C-alpha atoms as a PDB file:
ATOM      1  CA  MET A   1       7.897 -14.869 -23.824  1.00  0.00           C
ATOM      2  CA  ALA A   2       6.159 -18.156 -23.011  1.00  0.00           C
ATOM      3  CA  ASP A   3       6.386 -17.616 -18.900  1.00  0.00           C
ATOM      4  CA  ARG A   4       6.034 -13.806 -18.257  1.00  0.00           C
ATOM      5  CA  ARG A   5       4.838 -13.102 -15.619  1.00  0.00           C
ATOM      6  CA  CYS A   6       3.345 -10.126 -13.540  1.00  0.00           C
ATOM      7  CA  VAL A   7       4.652  -9.938 -10.013  1.00  0.00           C
ATOM      8  CA  PHE A   8       3.097  -7.512  -7.241  1.00  0.00           C
ATOM      9  CA  ILE A   9       4.973  -6.125  -4.868  1.00  0.00           C
ATOM     10  CA  ASP A  10       3.777  -4.414  -1.884  1.00  0.00           C
ATOM     11  CA  PHE A  11       6.190  -1.526  -0.524  1.00  0.00           C
ATOM     12  CA  ASP A  12       5.851  -1.448   3.519  1.00  0.00           C
ATOM     13  CA  GLY A  13       7.546  -4.289   5.523  1.00  0.00           C
ATOM     14  CA  THR A  14       7.378  -6.135   2.079  1.00  0.00           C
ATOM     15  CA  LEU A  15       9.868  -3.671  -0.713  1.00  0.00           C
ATOM     16  CA  ALA A  16      11.083  -1.281   1.869  1.00  0.00           C
ATOM     17  CA  ASP A  17      12.127  -1.187   5.719  1.00  0.00           C
ATOM     18  CA  ARG A  18      10.819   1.601   6.950  1.00  0.00           C
ATOM     19  CA  GLY A  19      10.017   3.652   4.356  1.00  0.00           C
ATOM     20  CA  VAL A  20      13.030   3.116   2.520  1.00  0.00           C
ATOM     21  CA  VAL A  21      14.385   0.441  -0.470  1.00  0.00           C
ATOM     22  CA  PRO A  22      17.269  -1.479  -0.206  1.00  0.00           C
ATOM     23  CA  ARG A  23      19.115  -1.446  -3.503  1.00  0.00           C
ATOM     24  CA  GLU A  24      18.914  -5.269  -3.803  1.00  0.00           C
ATOM     25  CA  HIS A  25      15.765  -5.220  -4.304  1.00  0.00           C
ATOM     26  CA  ALA A  26      16.222  -2.325  -6.777  1.00  0.00           C
ATOM     27  CA  GLU A  27      18.556  -4.343  -8.897  1.00  0.00           C
ATOM     28  CA  ALA A  28      16.348  -7.811  -8.533  1.00  0.00           C
ATOM     29  CA  VAL A  29      13.577  -5.615  -9.663  1.00  0.00           C
ATOM     30  CA  GLY A  30      15.645  -4.569 -12.638  1.00  0.00           C
ATOM     31  CA  ARG A  31      16.454  -7.526 -13.281  1.00  0.00           C
ATOM     32  CA  ALA A  32      13.286  -9.110 -13.702  1.00  0.00           C
ATOM     33  CA  ARG A  33      11.754  -6.281 -16.268  1.00  0.00           C
ATOM     34  CA  ALA A  34      14.987  -6.899 -18.387  1.00  0.00           C
ATOM     35  CA  GLN A  35      13.998 -10.611 -18.536  1.00  0.00           C
ATOM     36  CA  GLY A  36      10.702  -9.700 -19.584  1.00  0.00           C
ATOM     37  CA  HIS A  37       8.761 -10.109 -16.810  1.00  0.00           C
ATOM     38  CA  VAL A  38       6.336  -6.836 -15.642  1.00  0.00           C
ATOM     39  CA  VAL A  39       6.729  -5.481 -11.907  1.00  0.00           C
ATOM     40  CA  LEU A  40       4.722  -3.593 -10.129  1.00  0.00           C
ATOM     41  CA  LEU A  41       4.563  -2.284  -6.913  1.00  0.00           C
ATOM     42  CA  CYS A  42       1.038  -2.726  -5.045  1.00  0.00           C
ATOM     43  CA  THR A  43       0.491  -0.913  -2.194  1.00  0.00           C
ATOM     44  CA  GLY A  44      -2.112   0.691   0.351  1.00  0.00           C
ATOM     45  CA  ARG A  45      -0.342   3.537   0.115  1.00  0.00           C
ATOM     46  CA  PRO A  46      -1.765   6.591  -1.843  1.00  0.00           C
ATOM     47  CA  ALA A  47       0.310   7.501  -4.989  1.00  0.00           C
ATOM     48  CA  SER A  48       1.020  10.895  -3.813  1.00  0.00           C
ATOM     49  CA  ILE A  49       3.548   9.455  -1.249  1.00  0.00           C
ATOM     50  CA  ILE A  50       5.805   7.192  -3.614  1.00  0.00           C
ATOM     51  CA  VAL A  51       8.330   9.074  -4.510  1.00  0.00           C
ATOM     52  CA  PRO A  52       9.385   9.361  -7.972  1.00  0.00           C
ATOM     53  CA  GLU A  53      12.723   7.314  -7.960  1.00  0.00           C
ATOM     54  CA  VAL A  54      10.753   4.607  -6.240  1.00  0.00           C
ATOM     55  CA  ALA A  55       7.786   4.115  -8.792  1.00  0.00           C
ATOM     56  CA  ALA A  56      10.778   4.195 -11.390  1.00  0.00           C
ATOM     57  CA  LEU A  57      11.731   1.467 -10.404  1.00  0.00           C
ATOM     58  CA  PHE A  58       8.256  -0.339 -12.016  1.00  0.00           C
ATOM     59  CA  ASP A  59       6.398  -0.989 -14.750  1.00  0.00           C
ATOM     60  CA  GLY A  60       3.321   0.606 -13.088  1.00  0.00           C
ATOM     61  CA  VAL A  61       2.039   1.288  -9.573  1.00  0.00           C
ATOM     62  CA  VAL A  62      -1.110  -0.580  -7.414  1.00  0.00           C
ATOM     63  CA  ALA A  63      -2.076   2.141  -5.459  1.00  0.00           C
ATOM     64  CA  SER A  64      -4.827   2.832  -2.417  1.00  0.00           C
ATOM     65  CA  ALA A  65      -5.202  -0.770  -2.070  1.00  0.00           C
ATOM     66  CA  GLY A  66      -6.690  -1.161  -5.515  1.00  0.00           C
ATOM     67  CA  GLY A  67      -8.169   1.794  -5.424  1.00  0.00           C
ATOM     68  CA  PHE A  68      -5.401   3.951  -7.945  1.00  0.00           C
ATOM     69  CA  LEU A  69      -3.958   1.589 -10.792  1.00  0.00           C
ATOM     70  CA  ARG A  70      -1.212   3.336 -13.258  1.00  0.00           C
ATOM     71  CA  LEU A  71       0.590   1.569 -15.860  1.00  0.00           C
ATOM     72  CA  GLY A  72       3.812   3.190 -17.793  1.00  0.00           C
ATOM     73  CA  ASP A  73       1.695   6.319 -18.121  1.00  0.00           C
ATOM     74  CA  GLU A  74      -1.854   5.410 -18.160  1.00  0.00           C
ATOM     75  CA  VAL A  75      -4.117   5.583 -15.509  1.00  0.00           C
ATOM     76  CA  LEU A  76      -6.463   2.411 -16.033  1.00  0.00           C
ATOM     77  CA  HIS A  77      -8.845   3.421 -12.994  1.00  0.00           C
ATOM     78  CA  ASP A  78      -8.772   5.165  -9.887  1.00  0.00           C
ATOM     79  CA  GLU A  79     -11.325   5.143  -7.564  1.00  0.00           C
ATOM     80  CA  ARG A  80     -12.896   7.531  -4.629  1.00  0.00           C
ATOM     81  CA  PHE A  81     -14.831   7.205  -1.532  1.00  0.00           C
ATOM     82  CA  PRO A  82     -18.485   8.325  -3.224  1.00  0.00           C
ATOM     83  CA  ALA A  83     -19.194  12.455  -1.568  1.00  0.00           C
ATOM     84  CA  ALA A  84     -21.596  11.071   0.815  1.00  0.00           C
ATOM     85  CA  VAL A  85     -20.053   8.551   2.326  1.00  0.00           C
ATOM     86  CA  GLY A  86     -17.239  10.323   3.014  1.00  0.00           C
ATOM     87  CA  ARG A  87     -18.320  13.979   4.557  1.00  0.00           C
ATOM     88  CA  ARG A  88     -20.432  10.903   6.641  1.00  0.00           C
ATOM     89  CA  THR A  89     -16.547   9.302   7.408  1.00  0.00           C
ATOM     90  CA  ILE A  90     -15.603  12.269   8.067  1.00  0.00           C
ATOM     91  CA  GLU A  91     -18.118  13.554  10.491  1.00  0.00           C
ATOM     92  CA  VAL A  92     -17.373  10.067  12.625  1.00  0.00           C
ATOM     93  CA  LEU A  93     -13.527  10.687  12.662  1.00  0.00           C
ATOM     94  CA  HIS A  94     -14.407  14.489  14.013  1.00  0.00           C
ATOM     95  CA  ARG A  95     -16.664  13.452  16.695  1.00  0.00           C
ATOM     96  CA  HIS A  96     -14.317  10.763  17.969  1.00  0.00           C
ATOM     97  CA  GLU A  97     -11.433  13.575  17.745  1.00  0.00           C
ATOM     98  CA  VAL A  98      -9.409  10.897  15.230  1.00  0.00           C
ATOM     99  CA  ALA A  99      -6.119  12.384  14.063  1.00  0.00           C
ATOM    100  CA  PHE A 100      -6.853  11.322   9.972  1.00  0.00           C
ATOM    101  CA  ALA A 101      -5.136  11.777   6.390  1.00  0.00           C
ATOM    102  CA  LEU A 102      -7.602  11.558   3.342  1.00  0.00           C
ATOM    103  CA  GLU A 103      -5.764   9.938   0.975  1.00  0.00           C
ATOM    104  CA  ALA A 104      -5.724  10.804  -2.730  1.00  0.00           C
ATOM    105  CA  PRO A 105      -2.753  10.148  -5.294  1.00  0.00           C
ATOM    106  CA  ASP A 106      -2.305  13.844  -5.542  1.00  0.00           C
ATOM    107  CA  ALA A 107      -1.809  14.559  -1.546  1.00  0.00           C
ATOM    108  CA  LEU A 108      -2.685  13.328   2.206  1.00  0.00           C
ATOM    109  CA  TRP A 109      -5.483  16.028   2.834  1.00  0.00           C
ATOM    110  CA  CYS A 110      -5.333  17.333   6.657  1.00  0.00           C
ATOM    111  CA  THR A 111      -6.734  19.664   9.029  1.00  0.00           C
ATOM    112  CA  PRO A 112      -4.432  21.610  10.910  1.00  0.00           C
ATOM    113  CA  PHE A 113      -4.967  19.159  13.987  1.00  0.00           C
ATOM    114  CA  SER A 114      -4.157  16.049  11.904  1.00  0.00           C
ATOM    115  CA  ALA A 115      -1.254  17.772  10.093  1.00  0.00           C
ATOM    116  CA  GLU A 116       0.108  18.291  13.444  1.00  0.00           C
ATOM    117  CA  ARG A 117      -0.066  14.921  14.881  1.00  0.00           C
ATOM    118  CA  ILE A 118       1.107  13.029  11.834  1.00  0.00           C
ATOM    119  CA  ARG A 119       4.323  14.835  11.608  1.00  0.00           C
ATOM    120  CA  ALA A 120       4.781  13.893  15.066  1.00  0.00           C
ATOM    121  CA  ARG A 121       3.615  10.756  14.521  1.00  0.00           C
ATOM    122  CA  MET A 122       6.019  10.381  11.175  1.00  0.00           C
ATOM    123  CA  ARG A 123       8.964  12.217  12.728  1.00  0.00           C
ATOM    124  CA  PRO A 124      11.859   9.052  12.152  1.00  0.00           C
ATOM    125  CA  SER A 125      12.250   7.340  15.152  1.00  0.00           C
ATOM    126  CA  GLY A 126      16.109   5.815  14.475  1.00  0.00           C
ATOM    127  CA  PRO A 127      18.413   5.249  11.396  1.00  0.00           C
ATOM    128  CA  SER A 128      17.164   3.745   8.246  1.00  0.00           C
ATOM    129  CA  SER A 129      18.383   1.234   5.576  1.00  0.00           C
ATOM    130  CA  ALA A 130      21.636   3.180   4.840  1.00  0.00           C
ATOM    131  CA  GLY A 131      22.320   3.764   1.056  1.00  0.00           C
ATOM    132  CA  GLY A 132      18.787   2.346   0.000  1.00  0.00           C
ATOM    133  CA  ILE A 133      15.792   4.412  -2.280  1.00  0.00           C
ATOM    134  CA  GLY A 134      13.036   6.890  -0.473  1.00  0.00           C
ATOM    135  CA  SER A 135      13.845   8.963   2.494  1.00  0.00           C
ATOM    136  CA  GLY A 136      10.850   7.032   5.149  1.00  0.00           C
ATOM    137  CA  PRO A 137       8.965   9.350   7.138  1.00  0.00           C
ATOM    138  CA  THR A 138       9.904  11.989   5.261  1.00  0.00           C
ATOM    139  CA  ASP A 139       8.080  11.303   2.280  1.00  0.00           C
ATOM    140  CA  ILE A 140       4.819  11.144   3.893  1.00  0.00           C
ATOM    141  CA  ILE A 141       5.539  14.352   5.380  1.00  0.00           C
ATOM    142  CA  ALA A 142       6.116  15.715   2.460  1.00  0.00           C
ATOM    143  CA  ALA A 143       2.887  14.769   0.771  1.00  0.00           C
ATOM    144  CA  VAL A 144       0.951  16.654   3.428  1.00  0.00           C
ATOM    145  CA  ARG A 145      -1.565  19.491   2.214  1.00  0.00           C
ATOM    146  CA  VAL A 146      -3.813  21.394   5.323  1.00  0.00           C
ATOM    147  CA  ARG A 147      -6.975  22.146   4.699  1.00  0.00           C
ATOM    148  CA  GLU A 148      -9.166  24.211   7.776  1.00  0.00           C
ATOM    149  CA  ASP A 149     -12.020  21.999   6.604  1.00  0.00           C
ATOM    150  CA  VAL A 150     -11.302  18.780   4.684  1.00  0.00           C
ATOM    151  CA  ALA A 151     -15.382  18.108   3.947  1.00  0.00           C
ATOM    152  CA  ASP A 152     -15.434  18.372  -0.081  1.00  0.00           C
ATOM    153  CA  CYS A 153     -11.790  16.644  -0.459  1.00  0.00           C
ATOM    154  CA  SER A 154     -11.733  13.652  -3.078  1.00  0.00           C
ATOM    155  CA  PHE A 155     -10.314  10.960  -1.309  1.00  0.00           C
ATOM    156  CA  ALA A 156      -9.509   7.398  -2.378  1.00  0.00           C
ATOM    157  CA  LYS A 157      -8.280   6.160   1.650  1.00  0.00           C
ATOM    158  CA  ILE A 158      -8.325   7.303   5.305  1.00  0.00           C
ATOM    159  CA  SER A 159      -5.306   6.101   7.576  1.00  0.00           C
ATOM    160  CA  LEU A 160      -5.500   7.450  11.140  1.00  0.00           C
ATOM    161  CA  TRP A 161      -3.896   7.925  14.345  1.00  0.00           C
ATOM    162  CA  ASP A 162      -4.886   8.006  18.375  1.00  0.00           C
ATOM    163  CA  SER A 163      -7.888   7.078  17.737  1.00  0.00           C
ATOM    164  CA  ARG A 164      -9.405   6.109  21.102  1.00  0.00           C
ATOM    165  CA  VAL A 165     -12.117   3.515  19.807  1.00  0.00           C
ATOM    166  CA  PRO A 166     -11.484   0.570  17.513  1.00  0.00           C
ATOM    167  CA  ILE A 167     -11.091   1.303  13.957  1.00  0.00           C
ATOM    168  CA  GLU A 168     -14.106  -1.654  13.321  1.00  0.00           C
ATOM    169  CA  GLN A 169     -16.732   0.519  15.250  1.00  0.00           C
ATOM    170  CA  LEU A 170     -15.170   3.656  13.541  1.00  0.00           C
ATOM    171  CA  ALA A 171     -16.107   2.153  10.080  1.00  0.00           C
ATOM    172  CA  ALA A 172     -19.405   0.383  11.393  1.00  0.00           C
ATOM    173  CA  GLU A 173     -20.257   3.948  12.145  1.00  0.00           C
ATOM    174  CA  SER A 174     -19.588   5.486   9.303  1.00  0.00           C
ATOM    175  CA  GLY A 175     -21.343   2.831   7.159  1.00  0.00           C
ATOM    176  CA  PRO A 176     -21.737  -0.706   5.329  1.00  0.00           C
ATOM    177  CA  GLU A 177     -19.920   0.637   2.271  1.00  0.00           C
ATOM    178  CA  LEU A 178     -16.332   0.921   5.186  1.00  0.00           C
ATOM    179  CA  GLY A 179     -14.275  -1.562   6.165  1.00  0.00           C
ATOM    180  CA  ALA A 180     -11.070  -1.319   8.378  1.00  0.00           C
ATOM    181  CA  LEU A 181      -7.646  -2.564   8.598  1.00  0.00           C
ATOM    182  CA  PRO A 182      -4.545  -2.284  10.971  1.00  0.00           C
ATOM    183  CA  SER A 183      -2.160   0.657   9.833  1.00  0.00           C
ATOM    184  CA  SER A 184       0.526  -1.309   6.886  1.00  0.00           C
ATOM    185  CA  ILE A 185       2.590   1.706   7.964  1.00  0.00           C
ATOM    186  CA  THR A 186       2.336   1.534  11.802  1.00  0.00           C
ATOM    187  CA  THR A 187       1.524  -1.860  11.870  1.00  0.00           C
ATOM    188  CA  ASP A 188       2.822  -1.780  15.775  1.00  0.00           C
ATOM    189  CA  ASP A 189       0.296   0.799  16.318  1.00  0.00           C
ATOM    190  CA  LEU A 190      -3.668  -0.474  17.472  1.00  0.00           C
ATOM    191  CA  SER A 191      -4.728   2.784  17.923  1.00  0.00           C
ATOM    192  CA  SER A 192      -3.682   3.311  14.211  1.00  0.00           C
ATOM    193  CA  GLY A 193      -5.493   1.978  10.938  1.00  0.00           C
ATOM    194  CA  GLU A 194      -7.404   2.201   7.788  1.00  0.00           C
ATOM    195  CA  LEU A 195     -10.671   2.543   7.087  1.00  0.00           C
ATOM    196  CA  HIS A 196     -11.536   1.717   2.952  1.00  0.00           C
ATOM    197  CA  LEU A 197     -13.904   0.964   0.540  1.00  0.00           C
ATOM    198  CA  ARG A 198     -15.386  -2.573   0.828  1.00  0.00           C
ATOM    199  CA  THR A 199     -15.157  -2.901  -2.692  1.00  0.00           C
ATOM    200  CA  VAL A 200     -12.065  -2.309  -3.180  1.00  0.00           C
ATOM    201  CA  ASP A 201      -8.845  -4.913  -2.599  1.00  0.00           C
ATOM    202  CA  LYS A 202      -5.806  -5.181  -4.018  1.00  0.00           C
ATOM    203  CA  ALA A 203      -6.860  -8.064  -5.803  1.00  0.00           C
ATOM    204  CA  ASP A 204      -9.276  -5.799  -8.202  1.00  0.00           C
ATOM    205  CA  GLY A 205      -5.941  -3.872  -8.883  1.00  0.00           C
ATOM    206  CA  MET A 206      -4.435  -6.948 -10.027  1.00  0.00           C
ATOM    207  CA  ARG A 207      -6.641  -8.409 -11.886  1.00  0.00           C
ATOM    208  CA  ARG A 208      -7.174  -5.094 -13.193  1.00  0.00           C
ATOM    209  CA  VAL A 209      -3.853  -5.419 -14.766  1.00  0.00           C
ATOM    210  CA  ARG A 210      -3.254  -9.190 -15.829  1.00  0.00           C
ATOM    211  CA  GLU A 211      -6.590  -8.900 -18.317  1.00  0.00           C
ATOM    212  CA  HIS A 212      -5.297  -5.725 -19.625  1.00  0.00           C
ATOM    213  CA  LEU A 213      -2.101  -7.331 -20.072  1.00  0.00           C
ATOM    214  CA  GLY A 214      -3.860 -10.312 -21.661  1.00  0.00           C
ATOM    215  CA  LEU A 215      -2.293 -12.479 -19.198  1.00  0.00           C
ATOM    216  CA  GLY A 216      -4.061 -15.648 -16.735  1.00  0.00           C
ATOM    217  CA  PRO A 217      -4.100 -15.357 -13.139  1.00  0.00           C
ATOM    218  CA  GLU A 218      -1.370 -18.301 -13.120  1.00  0.00           C
ATOM    219  CA  ALA A 219       0.775 -15.622 -14.216  1.00  0.00           C
ATOM    220  CA  THR A 220       0.246 -13.340 -11.847  1.00  0.00           C
ATOM    221  CA  VAL A 221       2.989 -13.130  -8.282  1.00  0.00           C
ATOM    222  CA  ALA A 222       1.625 -11.295  -5.253  1.00  0.00           C
ATOM    223  CA  ILE A 223       4.349 -10.590  -2.312  1.00  0.00           C
ATOM    224  CA  GLY A 224       3.058  -8.781   0.763  1.00  0.00           C
ATOM    225  CA  ASP A 225       3.221  -9.193   4.869  1.00  0.00           C
ATOM    226  CA  GLY A 226      -0.175  -6.952   5.995  1.00  0.00           C
ATOM    227  CA  MET A 227      -3.730  -7.996   5.793  1.00  0.00           C
ATOM    228  CA  ASN A 228      -4.272  -5.578   3.248  1.00  0.00           C
ATOM    229  CA  ASP A 229      -2.190  -8.375   1.016  1.00  0.00           C
ATOM    230  CA  LEU A 230      -4.675 -11.257   1.703  1.00  0.00           C
ATOM    231  CA  GLY A 231      -7.174 -10.768  -0.738  1.00  0.00           C
ATOM    232  CA  MET A 232      -3.895 -10.463  -3.621  1.00  0.00           C
ATOM    233  CA  LEU A 233      -2.272 -13.751  -2.074  1.00  0.00           C
ATOM    234  CA  GLN A 234      -5.445 -15.721  -2.387  1.00  0.00           C
ATOM    235  CA  ALA A 235      -5.576 -14.059  -5.821  1.00  0.00           C
ATOM    236  CA  ALA A 236      -2.667 -15.083  -7.309  1.00  0.00           C
ATOM    237  CA  GLY A 237      -1.120 -17.980  -9.500  1.00  0.00           C
ATOM    238  CA  THR A 238       1.681 -17.448  -6.679  1.00  0.00           C
ATOM    239  CA  SER A 239       1.782 -15.963  -3.367  1.00  0.00           C
ATOM    240  CA  VAL A 240       5.207 -15.081  -1.833  1.00  0.00           C
ATOM    241  CA  ALA A 241       4.978 -13.693   2.204  1.00  0.00           C
ATOM    242  CA  ILE A 242       6.999 -12.135   4.467  1.00  0.00           C
ATOM    243  CA  SER A 243       8.744 -13.667   7.228  1.00  0.00           C
ATOM    244  CA  GLY A 244       6.268 -12.250  10.976  1.00  0.00           C
ATOM    245  CA  ALA A 245       3.777 -11.898   8.776  1.00  0.00           C
ATOM    246  CA  PRO A 246       0.229 -12.466  10.615  1.00  0.00           C
ATOM    247  CA  THR A 247      -1.142 -16.358  10.438  1.00  0.00           C
ATOM    248  CA  GLU A 248      -3.751 -16.083   7.664  1.00  0.00           C
ATOM    249  CA  VAL A 249      -1.340 -14.419   5.548  1.00  0.00           C
ATOM    250  CA  LEU A 250       1.091 -16.978   6.076  1.00  0.00           C
ATOM    251  CA  ALA A 251      -1.425 -19.704   5.407  1.00  0.00           C
ATOM    252  CA  ALA A 252      -2.305 -18.124   1.619  1.00  0.00           C
ATOM    253  CA  ALA A 253       1.568 -18.312   0.500  1.00  0.00           C
ATOM    254  CA  ASP A 254       3.331 -20.612  -1.573  1.00  0.00           C
ATOM    255  CA  LEU A 255       6.395 -20.003  -0.109  1.00  0.00           C
ATOM    256  CA  VAL A 256       7.899 -17.614   2.825  1.00  0.00           C
ATOM    257  CA  VAL A 257      10.998 -15.172   3.136  1.00  0.00           C
ATOM    258  CA  PRO A 258      12.704 -12.753   4.936  1.00  0.00           C
ATOM    259  CA  GLY A 259      11.607  -9.224   5.341  1.00  0.00           C
ATOM    260  CA  PRO A 260      13.776  -5.892   3.695  1.00  0.00           C
ATOM    261  CA  VAL A 261      16.729  -6.196   5.779  1.00  0.00           C
ATOM    262  CA  GLU A 262      17.533  -9.926   5.030  1.00  0.00           C
ATOM    263  CA  HIS A 263      16.638  -8.960   1.252  1.00  0.00           C
ATOM    264  CA  GLY A 264      13.688 -11.127   0.617  1.00  0.00           C
ATOM    265  CA  ILE A 265      12.735  -9.652  -2.639  1.00  0.00           C
ATOM    266  CA  VAL A 266      15.798 -11.379  -4.107  1.00  0.00           C
ATOM    267  CA  SER A 267      15.147 -14.382  -2.073  1.00  0.00           C
ATOM    268  CA  ALA A 268      11.802 -14.684  -3.442  1.00  0.00           C
ATOM    269  CA  PHE A 269      12.823 -13.991  -7.533  1.00  0.00           C
ATOM    270  CA  ALA A 270      15.572 -16.726  -7.433  1.00  0.00           C
ATOM    271  CA  ARG A 271      13.580 -19.068  -6.173  1.00  0.00           C
ATOM    272  CA  LEU A 272      10.862 -18.834  -8.409  1.00  0.00           C
ATOM    273  CA  GLY A 273      13.276 -17.775 -11.246  1.00  0.00           C
ATOM    274  CA  LEU A 274      12.681 -14.238 -11.834  1.00  0.00           C
ATOM    275  CA  GLY A 275      16.209 -13.104 -11.692  1.00  0.00           C
END
């Protein structure tokens, strides 16, 4: 099809409300794919906390904020922290007594201390979207794997909770290779965040997919609500932000739609002629 487009949709706060995907969003994605468009989940989450029933909605996934890329059954990219950088960062987190999870495609690697804190923090705090797809915090807890020593684990990104120092300081102490972002899952808590490789961005995953498919930048659509979506919104041919997103994200958008509770993906797809 001449006007075939490749759509990249963020998960938390864009596709899903508290980790649960409304049926209306799932149906909109299905209609777009039936029309020949390629639709991918493009999330900061690792593949290990994308449950199969959510993954099945899409043609593929860009996970770990661009570090992991799967299209169909083929893994196109899988980038991890260099071993020395990972060990140095873990030492910094231990020194500041931060609870953290090492995000890998197959698991969330945690020490016993971190696993206890994360399980307490991810406990459901209220009713989730009725009839939706996914189980919210339960999907995260199910991926936790506990080891006394995680220094030798291979991982793509780090989520952290309950830091007594700014996450930017943690990144600076860990080395110039790292950047820091507010958490894409618990965006209302300044003590939580993510440490990532500066060389990895959702925009990189988007570019790799479109090049693999032989599509130009103008054929890409990006939809997101967080600071880790900014790069892909700026690089997309058409960018869509969620109402209430940070100012920088809204400024990068061609149009703004409501959040998942008000079925913003349905609105975006209708306005863009995607089904």
